[in-house]
Protein backbone atom coordinates (compact mmCIF):
# COMPACT_ATOMS: atom_id res chain seq x y z
CA MET A 1 16.68 -27.73 28.73
CA SER A 2 17.30 -28.56 25.25
CA ASP A 3 13.37 -29.18 25.13
CA GLN A 4 12.94 -25.53 26.21
CA ILE A 5 15.40 -24.32 23.42
CA ASN A 6 13.22 -26.34 20.87
CA MET A 7 10.19 -24.88 22.08
CA PHE A 8 11.61 -21.25 22.27
CA LEU A 9 12.98 -21.55 18.51
CA LEU A 10 9.53 -23.09 17.07
CA TYR A 11 7.88 -20.13 18.81
CA MET A 12 10.51 -17.91 17.12
CA SER A 13 9.81 -19.51 13.83
CA GLU A 14 6.32 -19.45 13.96
CA THR A 15 6.50 -15.76 15.06
CA ALA A 16 8.68 -14.88 12.49
CA ILE A 17 6.51 -16.56 9.82
CA GLY A 18 3.56 -14.65 11.01
CA ILE A 19 5.11 -11.41 11.27
CA THR A 20 6.16 -12.03 7.62
CA ALA A 21 2.76 -13.05 6.64
CA PHE A 22 1.13 -9.91 8.31
CA VAL A 23 3.79 -7.86 6.89
CA LEU A 24 3.10 -8.82 3.27
CA LEU A 25 -0.70 -8.42 3.86
CA ILE A 26 -0.19 -4.71 5.12
CA LYS A 27 1.85 -4.06 1.92
CA HIS A 28 -0.55 -5.75 -0.44
CA LEU A 29 -3.59 -3.75 1.18
CA TRP A 30 -1.26 -0.38 0.92
CA VAL A 31 -0.48 -1.06 -2.42
CA LEU A 32 -4.28 -1.44 -3.33
CA ILE A 33 -5.04 1.40 -1.40
CA ASN A 34 -2.18 3.67 -3.03
CA LYS A 35 -3.95 2.51 -6.36
CA ALA A 36 -7.23 3.39 -5.85
CA MET A 37 -6.16 6.89 -4.43
CA LEU A 38 -3.85 7.59 -7.36
CA ASP A 39 -6.57 6.90 -9.94
CA LYS A 40 -9.12 9.07 -8.17
CA TYR A 41 -6.44 11.75 -7.56
CA GLU A 42 -5.53 11.57 -11.04
CA ASN A 43 -9.00 12.13 -12.24
CA PHE A 44 -9.71 14.78 -9.83
CA ARG A 45 -6.44 16.41 -11.04
CA LEU A 46 -7.47 16.27 -14.59
CA LYS A 47 -10.76 17.84 -14.10
CA MET A 48 -9.69 20.75 -12.07
CA MET A 49 -6.79 21.38 -14.73
CA ASN A 50 -9.38 21.35 -17.36
CA LYS A 51 -11.55 23.73 -15.07
CA TRP A 52 -9.00 26.11 -14.63
CA THR A 53 -7.19 26.09 -18.03
CA ALA A 54 -10.09 25.78 -20.22
CA PRO A 55 -11.06 29.63 -19.83
CA LEU A 56 -7.15 30.55 -20.51
CA ARG A 57 -6.89 28.37 -23.35
CA VAL A 58 -6.56 30.14 -26.93
CA ASP A 59 -6.87 28.27 -30.13
CA ASN A 60 -4.20 29.62 -32.64
């Protein structure tokens, strides 16, 4: 009986380690993707702002 409990605990700890590693990997990828998307979006936003506001700008 204790052998089964030990196997179960070992399995659970290995599973926990695996899930943690997987979650950290996903989080890391998510951060990288968000950073890339944010840079792209920022460039796009600046370009659009220049396109839309340049004709409206009046130099004092």
